């Protein structure tokens, strides 16, 4: 039976957590989770040792396994490995780590939110880490002046994906609509990337109270004939705000 599985088997599976083949790594994780669920306490002990080990792949896999085991096993000592994994070049690892960080944050909101704010604002961190930290902050519903300061910095980041993540946070912000609108408006007017300008236009449609400047900028963007994607995003934002869209020859612009 699984609960009778010996230390040697667990040790072998722990060793496979660092395997370069995802199929081997995932099978080891699944078996360790099953052994833990059957009541063998040594699994959690060995995984806790592994998240502080020298191998990056093992650290991530151990944190992931502890997350799957759940109650009593998944705790704050996983945070370092999760932050590290959020910077990974592998998108599957980044998003899985982000989901687990949000899960951890819901039970440890103050320390995790502080950690995420610091990571998102750290210019020395990898752009993937800054980006994923912002998505975590969004999903955790973090608000307040500290967040706003971090996001305002993020929308001027050299990496376009960090800027987009900053806008994603702003689009969900409800406690400072005027400040959020000001930042999004700046992105709409001056960001060098067309995709960021479109995202800013769309995000402006989610604010609770649109400023006159925001409405005017969206109306101008909605009439832009040089970037139909931007114009479409702006028209959609105006629709959500309940504003009139620009018309052409007496008819609503399609």
C-alpha atoms as a PDB file:
ATOM      1  CA  UNK A   1       0.000   0.000   0.000  1.00  0.00           C
ATOM      2  CA  UNK A   2       1.113   3.592  -0.623  1.00  0.00           C
ATOM      3  CA  UNK A   3       1.230   4.432   3.088  1.00  0.00           C
ATOM      4  CA  UNK A   4       3.714   1.607   3.536  1.00  0.00           C
ATOM      5  CA  UNK A   5       6.009   2.989   0.848  1.00  0.00           C
ATOM      6  CA  UNK A   6       9.537   3.069   2.243  1.00  0.00           C
ATOM      7  CA  UNK A   7      12.043   5.847   2.529  1.00  0.00           C
ATOM      8  CA  UNK A   8      14.091   4.439  -0.365  1.00  0.00           C
ATOM      9  CA  UNK A   9      11.179   4.840  -2.784  1.00  0.00           C
ATOM     10  CA  UNK A  10      10.502   8.377  -1.593  1.00  0.00           C
ATOM     11  CA  UNK A  11      14.192   9.251  -1.925  1.00  0.00           C
ATOM     12  CA  UNK A  12      14.229   7.904  -5.478  1.00  0.00           C
ATOM     13  CA  UNK A  13      11.213  10.022  -6.405  1.00  0.00           C
ATOM     14  CA  UNK A  14      12.752  13.098  -4.778  1.00  0.00           C
ATOM     15  CA  UNK A  15      15.821  12.538  -6.926  1.00  0.00           C
ATOM     16  CA  UNK A  16      13.646  12.498 -10.040  1.00  0.00           C
ATOM     17  CA  UNK A  17      12.242  15.950  -9.280  1.00  0.00           C
ATOM     18  CA  UNK A  18      15.296  17.435 -10.963  1.00  0.00           C
ATOM     19  CA  UNK A  19      15.003  15.344 -14.114  1.00  0.00           C
ATOM     20  CA  UNK A  20      15.251  17.410 -17.305  1.00  0.00           C
ATOM     21  CA  UNK A  21      12.358  15.433 -18.794  1.00  0.00           C
ATOM     22  CA  UNK A  22       9.045  16.969 -17.789  1.00  0.00           C
ATOM     23  CA  UNK A  23       7.269  13.626 -18.012  1.00  0.00           C
ATOM     24  CA  UNK A  24       9.628  12.070 -15.466  1.00  0.00           C
ATOM     25  CA  UNK A  25       9.458  15.102 -13.205  1.00  0.00           C
ATOM     26  CA  UNK A  26       5.667  15.217 -13.308  1.00  0.00           C
ATOM     27  CA  UNK A  27       5.309  11.491 -12.647  1.00  0.00           C
ATOM     28  CA  UNK A  28       7.568  11.830  -9.596  1.00  0.00           C
ATOM     29  CA  UNK A  29       5.468  14.726  -8.316  1.00  0.00           C
ATOM     30  CA  UNK A  30       2.215  12.818  -8.802  1.00  0.00           C
ATOM     31  CA  UNK A  31       3.555   9.751  -7.009  1.00  0.00           C
ATOM     32  CA  UNK A  32       4.892  11.787  -4.101  1.00  0.00           C
ATOM     33  CA  UNK A  33       1.549  13.561  -3.726  1.00  0.00           C
ATOM     34  CA  UNK A  34      -0.249  10.208  -3.749  1.00  0.00           C
ATOM     35  CA  UNK A  35       2.103   8.770  -1.119  1.00  0.00           C
ATOM     36  CA  UNK A  36       1.574  11.826   1.089  1.00  0.00           C
ATOM     37  CA  UNK A  37      -2.204  11.545   0.670  1.00  0.00           C
ATOM     38  CA  UNK A  38      -1.981   7.939   1.830  1.00  0.00           C
ATOM     39  CA  UNK A  39      -0.571   9.121   5.131  1.00  0.00           C
ATOM     40  CA  UNK A  40       3.195   8.903   4.785  1.00  0.00           C
ATOM     41  CA  UNK A  41       4.634  11.970   6.598  1.00  0.00           C
ATOM     42  CA  UNK A  42       8.162  11.552   5.252  1.00  0.00           C
ATOM     43  CA  UNK A  43       7.139  13.006   1.867  1.00  0.00           C
ATOM     44  CA  UNK A  44       6.420  16.476   3.232  1.00  0.00           C
ATOM     45  CA  UNK A  45       9.622  16.391   5.256  1.00  0.00           C
ATOM     46  CA  UNK A  46      11.730  15.486   2.221  1.00  0.00           C
ATOM     47  CA  UNK A  47       9.996  18.070   0.023  1.00  0.00           C
ATOM     48  CA  UNK A  48      10.629  20.783   2.605  1.00  0.00           C
ATOM     49  CA  UNK A  49      14.324  19.884   2.531  1.00  0.00           C
ATOM     50  CA  UNK A  50      14.257  20.011  -1.264  1.00  0.00           C
ATOM     51  CA  UNK A  51      12.854  23.530  -1.623  1.00  0.00           C
ATOM     52  CA  UNK A  52      16.057  24.811  -0.010  1.00  0.00           C
ATOM     53  CA  UNK A  53      18.349  22.626  -2.127  1.00  0.00           C
ATOM     54  CA  UNK A  54      20.907  23.566  -4.753  1.00  0.00           C
ATOM     55  CA  UNK A  55      18.978  22.458  -7.858  1.00  0.00           C
ATOM     56  CA  UNK A  56      16.550  25.006  -9.287  1.00  0.00           C
ATOM     57  CA  UNK A  57      14.367  22.399 -10.980  1.00  0.00           C
ATOM     58  CA  UNK A  58      14.122  20.424  -7.731  1.00  0.00           C
ATOM     59  CA  UNK A  59      13.211  23.560  -5.766  1.00  0.00           C
ATOM     60  CA  UNK A  60      10.365  24.331  -8.139  1.00  0.00           C
ATOM     61  CA  UNK A  61       9.091  20.764  -8.351  1.00  0.00           C
ATOM     62  CA  UNK A  62       9.154  20.412  -4.554  1.00  0.00           C
ATOM     63  CA  UNK A  63       7.193  23.641  -4.095  1.00  0.00           C
ATOM     64  CA  UNK A  64       4.695  22.510  -6.717  1.00  0.00           C
ATOM     65  CA  UNK A  65       4.291  19.126  -5.014  1.00  0.00           C
ATOM     66  CA  UNK A  66       3.731  20.787  -1.638  1.00  0.00           C
ATOM     67  CA  UNK A  67       1.100  22.969  -3.281  1.00  0.00           C
ATOM     68  CA  UNK A  68      -0.694  19.860  -4.536  1.00  0.00           C
ATOM     69  CA  UNK A  69      -0.521  18.222  -1.114  1.00  0.00           C
ATOM     70  CA  UNK A  70      -2.135  21.347   0.303  1.00  0.00           C
ATOM     71  CA  UNK A  71      -3.233  21.886   3.886  1.00  0.00           C
ATOM     72  CA  UNK A  72      -0.414  21.668   6.387  1.00  0.00           C
ATOM     73  CA  UNK A  73       2.241  21.188   3.727  1.00  0.00           C
ATOM     74  CA  UNK A  74       1.995  24.282   1.544  1.00  0.00           C
ATOM     75  CA  UNK A  75       3.320  27.190   3.598  1.00  0.00           C
ATOM     76  CA  UNK A  76       5.437  30.350   3.523  1.00  0.00           C
ATOM     77  CA  UNK A  77       8.687  28.427   3.159  1.00  0.00           C
ATOM     78  CA  UNK A  78       7.620  27.771  -0.456  1.00  0.00           C
ATOM     79  CA  UNK A  79       7.631  31.484  -1.319  1.00  0.00           C
ATOM     80  CA  UNK A  80      11.301  31.703  -2.336  1.00  0.00           C
ATOM     81  CA  UNK A  81      11.000  28.814  -4.780  1.00  0.00           C
ATOM     82  CA  UNK A  82       7.768  30.211  -6.215  1.00  0.00           C
ATOM     83  CA  UNK A  83       9.243  33.685  -6.766  1.00  0.00           C
ATOM     84  CA  UNK A  84      12.199  32.066  -8.494  1.00  0.00           C
ATOM     85  CA  UNK A  85       9.913  29.975 -10.707  1.00  0.00           C
ATOM     86  CA  UNK A  86       7.897  33.055 -11.656  1.00  0.00           C
ATOM     87  CA  UNK A  87      10.986  34.305 -13.480  1.00  0.00           C
ATOM     88  CA  UNK A  88      11.457  31.065 -15.447  1.00  0.00           C
ATOM     89  CA  UNK A  89      11.753  31.100 -19.231  1.00  0.00           C
ATOM     90  CA  UNK A  90       9.178  28.298 -19.418  1.00  0.00           C
ATOM     91  CA  UNK A  91       5.703  29.857 -19.551  1.00  0.00           C
ATOM     92  CA  UNK A  92       4.019  26.777 -18.103  1.00  0.00           C
ATOM     93  CA  UNK A  93       6.249  26.984 -15.024  1.00  0.00           C
ATOM     94  CA  UNK A  94       5.717  30.742 -14.677  1.00  0.00           C
ATOM     95  CA  UNK A  95       1.938  30.509 -14.727  1.00  0.00           C
ATOM     96  CA  UNK A  96       1.803  27.464 -12.454  1.00  0.00           C
ATOM     97  CA  UNK A  97       4.040  29.266  -9.954  1.00  0.00           C
ATOM     98  CA  UNK A  98       1.877  32.372 -10.211  1.00  0.00           C
ATOM     99  CA  UNK A  99      -1.245  30.366  -9.442  1.00  0.00           C
ATOM    100  CA  UNK A 100       0.410  28.819  -6.403  1.00  0.00           C
ATOM    101  CA  UNK A 101       1.670  32.206  -5.207  1.00  0.00           C
ATOM    102  CA  UNK A 102      -1.879  33.569  -5.361  1.00  0.00           C
ATOM    103  CA  UNK A 103      -3.057  30.502  -3.457  1.00  0.00           C
ATOM    104  CA  UNK A 104      -0.381  31.105  -0.827  1.00  0.00           C
ATOM    105  CA  UNK A 105      -1.209  34.807  -0.723  1.00  0.00           C
ATOM    106  CA  UNK A 106      -4.853  34.196   0.076  1.00  0.00           C
ATOM    107  CA  UNK A 107      -3.789  32.570   3.334  1.00  0.00           C
ATOM    108  CA  UNK A 108      -0.841  34.897   4.042  1.00  0.00           C
ATOM    109  CA  UNK A 109      -1.971  38.143   2.460  1.00  0.00           C
ATOM    110  CA  UNK A 110       0.202  40.700   4.271  1.00  0.00           C
ATOM    111  CA  UNK A 111       3.624  39.028   3.885  1.00  0.00           C
ATOM    112  CA  UNK A 112       2.968  37.791   0.358  1.00  0.00           C
ATOM    113  CA  UNK A 113       1.629  41.125  -0.891  1.00  0.00           C
ATOM    114  CA  UNK A 114       4.655  42.914   0.578  1.00  0.00           C
ATOM    115  CA  UNK A 115       6.947  40.437  -1.122  1.00  0.00           C
ATOM    116  CA  UNK A 116       5.164  40.806  -4.464  1.00  0.00           C
ATOM    117  CA  UNK A 117       5.239  44.603  -4.336  1.00  0.00           C
ATOM    118  CA  UNK A 118       8.980  44.482  -3.731  1.00  0.00           C
ATOM    119  CA  UNK A 119       9.544  41.988  -6.543  1.00  0.00           C
ATOM    120  CA  UNK A 120       7.425  43.937  -9.034  1.00  0.00           C
ATOM    121  CA  UNK A 121       9.370  47.130  -8.315  1.00  0.00           C
ATOM    122  CA  UNK A 122      12.856  45.605  -8.265  1.00  0.00           C
ATOM    123  CA  UNK A 123      14.801  46.650 -11.393  1.00  0.00           C
ATOM    124  CA  UNK A 124      17.342  43.938 -10.648  1.00  0.00           C
ATOM    125  CA  UNK A 125      14.751  41.165 -10.946  1.00  0.00           C
ATOM    126  CA  UNK A 126      14.092  39.472 -14.282  1.00  0.00           C
ATOM    127  CA  UNK A 127      11.317  41.006 -16.354  1.00  0.00           C
ATOM    128  CA  UNK A 128       9.340  37.744 -16.139  1.00  0.00           C
ATOM    129  CA  UNK A 129       9.384  37.990 -12.340  1.00  0.00           C
ATOM    130  CA  UNK A 130       8.209  41.618 -12.368  1.00  0.00           C
ATOM    131  CA  UNK A 131       5.457  40.759 -14.812  1.00  0.00           C
ATOM    132  CA  UNK A 132       4.161  37.733 -12.930  1.00  0.00           C
ATOM    133  CA  UNK A 133       4.333  39.563  -9.589  1.00  0.00           C
ATOM    134  CA  UNK A 134       2.000  42.176 -11.052  1.00  0.00           C
ATOM    135  CA  UNK A 135      -0.466  39.518 -12.179  1.00  0.00           C
ATOM    136  CA  UNK A 136      -0.381  38.029  -8.678  1.00  0.00           C
ATOM    137  CA  UNK A 137      -1.132  41.442  -7.178  1.00  0.00           C
ATOM    138  CA  UNK A 138      -4.045  41.831  -9.560  1.00  0.00           C
ATOM    139  CA  UNK A 139      -5.482  38.419  -8.775  1.00  0.00           C
ATOM    140  CA  UNK A 140      -5.119  38.975  -5.033  1.00  0.00           C
ATOM    141  CA  UNK A 141      -7.026  42.245  -5.312  1.00  0.00           C
ATOM    142  CA  UNK A 142      -4.275  44.288  -3.650  1.00  0.00           C
ATOM    143  CA  UNK A 143      -5.006  48.034  -3.496  1.00  0.00           C
ATOM    144  CA  UNK A 144      -3.562  51.161  -1.936  1.00  0.00           C
ATOM    145  CA  UNK A 145      -0.897  53.804  -2.576  1.00  0.00           C
ATOM    146  CA  UNK A 146       1.989  51.336  -2.466  1.00  0.00           C
ATOM    147  CA  UNK A 147       0.428  49.353  -5.287  1.00  0.00           C
ATOM    148  CA  UNK A 148      -0.278  52.469  -7.302  1.00  0.00           C
ATOM    149  CA  UNK A 149       3.353  53.567  -6.998  1.00  0.00           C
ATOM    150  CA  UNK A 150       4.577  50.164  -8.151  1.00  0.00           C
ATOM    151  CA  UNK A 151       2.189  50.095 -11.107  1.00  0.00           C
ATOM    152  CA  UNK A 152       3.108  53.624 -12.169  1.00  0.00           C
ATOM    153  CA  UNK A 153       6.697  52.471 -12.310  1.00  0.00           C
ATOM    154  CA  UNK A 154       5.723  49.297 -14.163  1.00  0.00           C
ATOM    155  CA  UNK A 155       4.001  51.127 -17.021  1.00  0.00           C
ATOM    156  CA  UNK A 156       7.327  52.816 -17.774  1.00  0.00           C
ATOM    157  CA  UNK A 157       9.308  49.571 -17.669  1.00  0.00           C
ATOM    158  CA  UNK A 158      11.613  48.865 -20.596  1.00  0.00           C
ATOM    159  CA  UNK A 159       9.881  45.510 -21.156  1.00  0.00           C
ATOM    160  CA  UNK A 160       6.576  45.740 -22.998  1.00  0.00           C
ATOM    161  CA  UNK A 161       5.106  42.720 -21.189  1.00  0.00           C
ATOM    162  CA  UNK A 162       5.716  44.330 -17.798  1.00  0.00           C
ATOM    163  CA  UNK A 163       3.929  47.460 -19.043  1.00  0.00           C
ATOM    164  CA  UNK A 164       0.988  45.335 -20.186  1.00  0.00           C
ATOM    165  CA  UNK A 165       0.869  43.612 -16.800  1.00  0.00           C
ATOM    166  CA  UNK A 166       0.806  47.016 -15.113  1.00  0.00           C
ATOM    167  CA  UNK A 167      -2.197  47.996 -17.220  1.00  0.00           C
ATOM    168  CA  UNK A 168      -3.889  44.711 -16.321  1.00  0.00           C
ATOM    169  CA  UNK A 169      -3.593  45.669 -12.655  1.00  0.00           C
ATOM    170  CA  UNK A 170      -4.928  49.169 -13.289  1.00  0.00           C
ATOM    171  CA  UNK A 171      -7.924  47.840 -15.201  1.00  0.00           C
ATOM    172  CA  UNK A 172      -9.064  46.035 -12.027  1.00  0.00           C
ATOM    173  CA  UNK A 173      -8.298  48.878  -9.604  1.00  0.00           C
ATOM    174  CA  UNK A 174     -11.363  50.319  -7.900  1.00  0.00           C
ATOM    175  CA  UNK A 175     -10.010  52.379  -4.997  1.00  0.00           C
ATOM    176  CA  UNK A 176      -8.230  55.097  -6.996  1.00  0.00           C
ATOM    177  CA  UNK A 177     -10.048  55.516 -10.327  1.00  0.00           C
ATOM    178  CA  UNK A 178      -8.773  59.032 -11.067  1.00  0.00           C
ATOM    179  CA  UNK A 179      -5.139  58.107 -10.452  1.00  0.00           C
ATOM    180  CA  UNK A 180      -5.561  54.888 -12.451  1.00  0.00           C
ATOM    181  CA  UNK A 181      -7.158  56.810 -15.317  1.00  0.00           C
ATOM    182  CA  UNK A 182      -4.286  59.314 -15.309  1.00  0.00           C
ATOM    183  CA  UNK A 183      -1.698  56.565 -15.633  1.00  0.00           C
ATOM    184  CA  UNK A 184      -3.641  54.694 -18.336  1.00  0.00           C
ATOM    185  CA  UNK A 185      -4.179  57.934 -20.226  1.00  0.00           C
ATOM    186  CA  UNK A 186      -0.446  58.544 -20.261  1.00  0.00           C
ATOM    187  CA  UNK A 187       0.083  55.082 -21.759  1.00  0.00           C
ATOM    188  CA  UNK A 188      -2.581  55.674 -24.395  1.00  0.00           C
ATOM    189  CA  UNK A 189      -1.036  58.957 -25.454  1.00  0.00           C
ATOM    190  CA  UNK A 190       2.662  58.232 -25.334  1.00  0.00           C
ATOM    191  CA  UNK A 191       3.652  54.572 -25.120  1.00  0.00           C
ATOM    192  CA  UNK A 192       5.851  53.648 -28.106  1.00  0.00           C
ATOM    193  CA  UNK A 193       4.246  50.214 -28.486  1.00  0.00           C
ATOM    194  CA  UNK A 194       0.963  49.964 -30.379  1.00  0.00           C
ATOM    195  CA  UNK A 195      -0.147  46.959 -28.344  1.00  0.00           C
ATOM    196  CA  UNK A 196       0.306  48.862 -25.080  1.00  0.00           C
ATOM    197  CA  UNK A 197      -1.664  51.820 -26.453  1.00  0.00           C
ATOM    198  CA  UNK A 198      -4.501  49.468 -27.404  1.00  0.00           C
ATOM    199  CA  UNK A 199      -4.398  47.833 -23.972  1.00  0.00           C
ATOM    200  CA  UNK A 200      -4.520  51.267 -22.324  1.00  0.00           C
ATOM    201  CA  UNK A 201      -7.558  52.231 -24.370  1.00  0.00           C
ATOM    202  CA  UNK A 202      -9.316  49.025 -23.428  1.00  0.00           C
ATOM    203  CA  UNK A 203      -8.369  49.386 -19.751  1.00  0.00           C
ATOM    204  CA  UNK A 204      -9.822  52.891 -19.619  1.00  0.00           C
ATOM    205  CA  UNK A 205     -13.194  51.354 -20.391  1.00  0.00           C
ATOM    206  CA  UNK A 206     -13.107  49.492 -17.062  1.00  0.00           C
ATOM    207  CA  UNK A 207     -12.744  52.470 -14.735  1.00  0.00           C
ATOM    208  CA  UNK A 208     -15.742  53.449 -12.649  1.00  0.00           C
ATOM    209  CA  UNK A 209     -15.660  57.172 -13.335  1.00  0.00           C
ATOM    210  CA  UNK A 210     -14.103  58.384 -16.558  1.00  0.00           C
ATOM    211  CA  UNK A 211     -12.467  61.794 -16.492  1.00  0.00           C
ATOM    212  CA  UNK A 212     -13.190  64.293 -19.246  1.00  0.00           C
ATOM    213  CA  UNK A 213      -9.588  63.942 -20.456  1.00  0.00           C
ATOM    214  CA  UNK A 214      -9.930  60.152 -20.657  1.00  0.00           C
ATOM    215  CA  UNK A 215     -13.189  60.367 -22.583  1.00  0.00           C
ATOM    216  CA  UNK A 216     -11.736  62.897 -25.008  1.00  0.00           C
ATOM    217  CA  UNK A 217      -8.631  60.779 -25.579  1.00  0.00           C
ATOM    218  CA  UNK A 218     -10.745  57.701 -26.217  1.00  0.00           C
ATOM    219  CA  UNK A 219     -12.937  59.606 -28.649  1.00  0.00           C
ATOM    220  CA  UNK A 220      -9.854  60.754 -30.545  1.00  0.00           C
ATOM    221  CA  UNK A 221      -8.450  57.220 -30.603  1.00  0.00           C
ATOM    222  CA  UNK A 222     -11.793  55.824 -31.752  1.00  0.00           C
ATOM    223  CA  UNK A 223     -11.591  58.075 -34.816  1.00  0.00           C
ATOM    224  CA  UNK A 224      -7.999  57.044 -35.634  1.00  0.00           C
ATOM    225  CA  UNK A 225      -7.879  55.768 -39.217  1.00  0.00           C
ATOM    226  CA  UNK A 226      -4.224  54.786 -39.030  1.00  0.00           C
ATOM    227  CA  UNK A 227      -4.681  52.097 -36.359  1.00  0.00           C
ATOM    228  CA  UNK A 228      -8.013  50.330 -36.682  1.00  0.00           C
ATOM    229  CA  UNK A 229      -7.170  47.983 -33.805  1.00  0.00           C
ATOM    230  CA  UNK A 230      -6.669  50.979 -31.510  1.00  0.00           C
ATOM    231  CA  UNK A 231      -9.850  52.581 -32.804  1.00  0.00           C
ATOM    232  CA  UNK A 232     -11.793  49.392 -32.149  1.00  0.00           C
ATOM    233  CA  UNK A 233     -10.419  49.124 -28.605  1.00  0.00           C
ATOM    234  CA  UNK A 234     -11.311  52.759 -27.944  1.00  0.00           C
ATOM    235  CA  UNK A 235     -14.844  52.318 -29.273  1.00  0.00           C
ATOM    236  CA  UNK A 236     -15.306  49.293 -27.056  1.00  0.00           C
ATOM    237  CA  UNK A 237     -14.074  51.286 -24.052  1.00  0.00           C
ATOM    238  CA  UNK A 238     -16.466  54.126 -24.813  1.00  0.00           C
ATOM    239  CA  UNK A 239     -19.326  51.645 -25.089  1.00  0.00           C
ATOM    240  CA  UNK A 240     -18.513  50.257 -21.635  1.00  0.00           C
ATOM    241  CA  UNK A 241     -18.342  53.770 -20.241  1.00  0.00           C
ATOM    242  CA  UNK A 242     -21.710  54.566 -21.804  1.00  0.00           C
ATOM    243  CA  UNK A 243     -20.312  57.367 -23.933  1.00  0.00           C
ATOM    244  CA  UNK A 244     -21.226  58.264 -27.495  1.00  0.00           C
ATOM    245  CA  UNK A 245     -18.924  56.867 -30.113  1.00  0.00           C
ATOM    246  CA  UNK A 246     -17.685  59.092 -32.962  1.00  0.00           C
ATOM    247  CA  UNK A 247     -19.947  59.094 -35.970  1.00  0.00           C
ATOM    248  CA  UNK A 248     -19.277  59.361 -39.662  1.00  0.00           C
ATOM    249  CA  UNK A 249     -21.761  60.866 -42.128  1.00  0.00           C
ATOM    250  CA  UNK A 250     -24.460  60.735 -39.499  1.00  0.00           C
ATOM    251  CA  UNK A 251     -23.944  57.045 -38.888  1.00  0.00           C
ATOM    252  CA  UNK A 252     -22.141  55.346 -36.048  1.00  0.00           C
ATOM    253  CA  UNK A 253     -18.627  54.391 -37.066  1.00  0.00           C
ATOM    254  CA  UNK A 254     -18.511  50.580 -37.441  1.00  0.00           C
END
